[in-house]
Amino acid sequence: MGTVIDEYDAEFVEVEFSNLQGCTYALEALNKSQLIILHHSPLAETQWLKSQPSVQKPVLNR
């Protein structure tokens, strides 16, 4: 799992890969076709939302 940190052009981006302590261990220029978008929610928030039937999950426009 990595973070896009720069966009070179319409096709290529720079992706940073870090360990759990935040130390970078790799930087890679990748074609956007090589990426998979990951949507992340902390486990505690996800479990709480599932236990609250009256709470509507927000819809984010990305």
Protein backbone atom coordinates (compact mmCIF):
# COMPACT_ATOMS: atom_id res chain seq x y z
CA MET A 1 0.00 0.00 0.00
CA GLY A 2 1.38 3.40 -0.92
CA THR A 3 0.51 7.09 -1.15
CA VAL A 4 0.54 9.14 -4.34
CA ILE A 5 2.81 12.08 -3.54
CA ASP A 6 3.26 13.67 -6.98
CA GLU A 7 1.62 13.62 -10.40
CA TYR A 8 4.08 13.85 -13.29
CA ASP A 9 1.57 14.02 -16.13
CA ALA A 10 -1.77 12.54 -17.17
CA GLU A 11 -0.34 9.00 -17.03
CA PHE A 12 2.36 8.76 -14.33
CA VAL A 13 2.51 9.42 -10.59
CA GLU A 14 5.13 9.09 -7.85
CA VAL A 15 4.08 6.67 -5.10
CA GLU A 16 5.69 6.50 -1.66
CA PHE A 17 5.67 3.23 0.28
CA SER A 18 6.18 3.51 4.06
CA ASN A 19 6.28 1.16 7.02
CA LEU A 20 3.95 1.45 10.03
CA GLN A 21 6.33 3.92 11.68
CA GLY A 22 6.13 6.24 8.65
CA CYS A 23 9.64 5.56 7.34
CA THR A 24 9.80 5.49 3.56
CA TYR A 25 11.23 2.29 2.13
CA ALA A 26 10.45 2.82 -1.58
CA LEU A 27 9.55 5.53 -4.08
CA GLU A 28 8.23 4.39 -7.45
CA ALA A 29 7.03 6.12 -10.60
CA LEU A 30 3.94 4.17 -11.66
CA ASN A 31 1.47 4.35 -14.49
CA LYS A 32 -2.00 5.25 -13.20
CA SER A 33 -3.28 2.02 -14.75
CA GLN A 34 -1.18 0.14 -12.15
CA LEU A 35 -3.04 1.72 -9.22
CA ILE A 36 -5.97 0.41 -7.23
CA ILE A 37 -7.89 2.99 -5.20
CA LEU A 38 -8.22 1.94 -1.57
CA HIS A 39 -10.99 3.33 0.63
CA HIS A 40 -10.07 3.00 4.30
CA SER A 41 -12.11 3.32 7.48
CA PRO A 42 -10.61 2.67 10.90
CA LEU A 43 -11.90 -0.61 12.32
CA ALA A 44 -13.37 0.99 15.46
CA GLU A 45 -15.39 3.49 13.38
CA THR A 46 -16.64 0.73 11.08
CA GLN A 47 -17.74 -1.44 14.00
CA TRP A 48 -19.48 1.51 15.69
CA LEU A 49 -21.35 2.47 12.50
CA LYS A 50 -22.57 -1.11 12.05
CA SER A 51 -23.96 -1.03 15.60
CA GLN A 52 -25.91 2.21 14.93
CA PRO A 53 -28.78 1.46 12.51
CA SER A 54 -30.10 5.03 12.73
CA VAL A 55 -26.79 6.60 11.66
CA GLN A 56 -26.50 7.27 7.95
CA LYS A 57 -23.06 6.78 6.47
CA PRO A 58 -21.81 9.96 4.76
CA VAL A 59 -21.48 9.88 0.99
CA LEU A 60 -18.21 11.40 -0.19
CA ASN A 61 -17.85 12.79 -3.68
CA ARG A 62 -14.37 12.05 -4.96
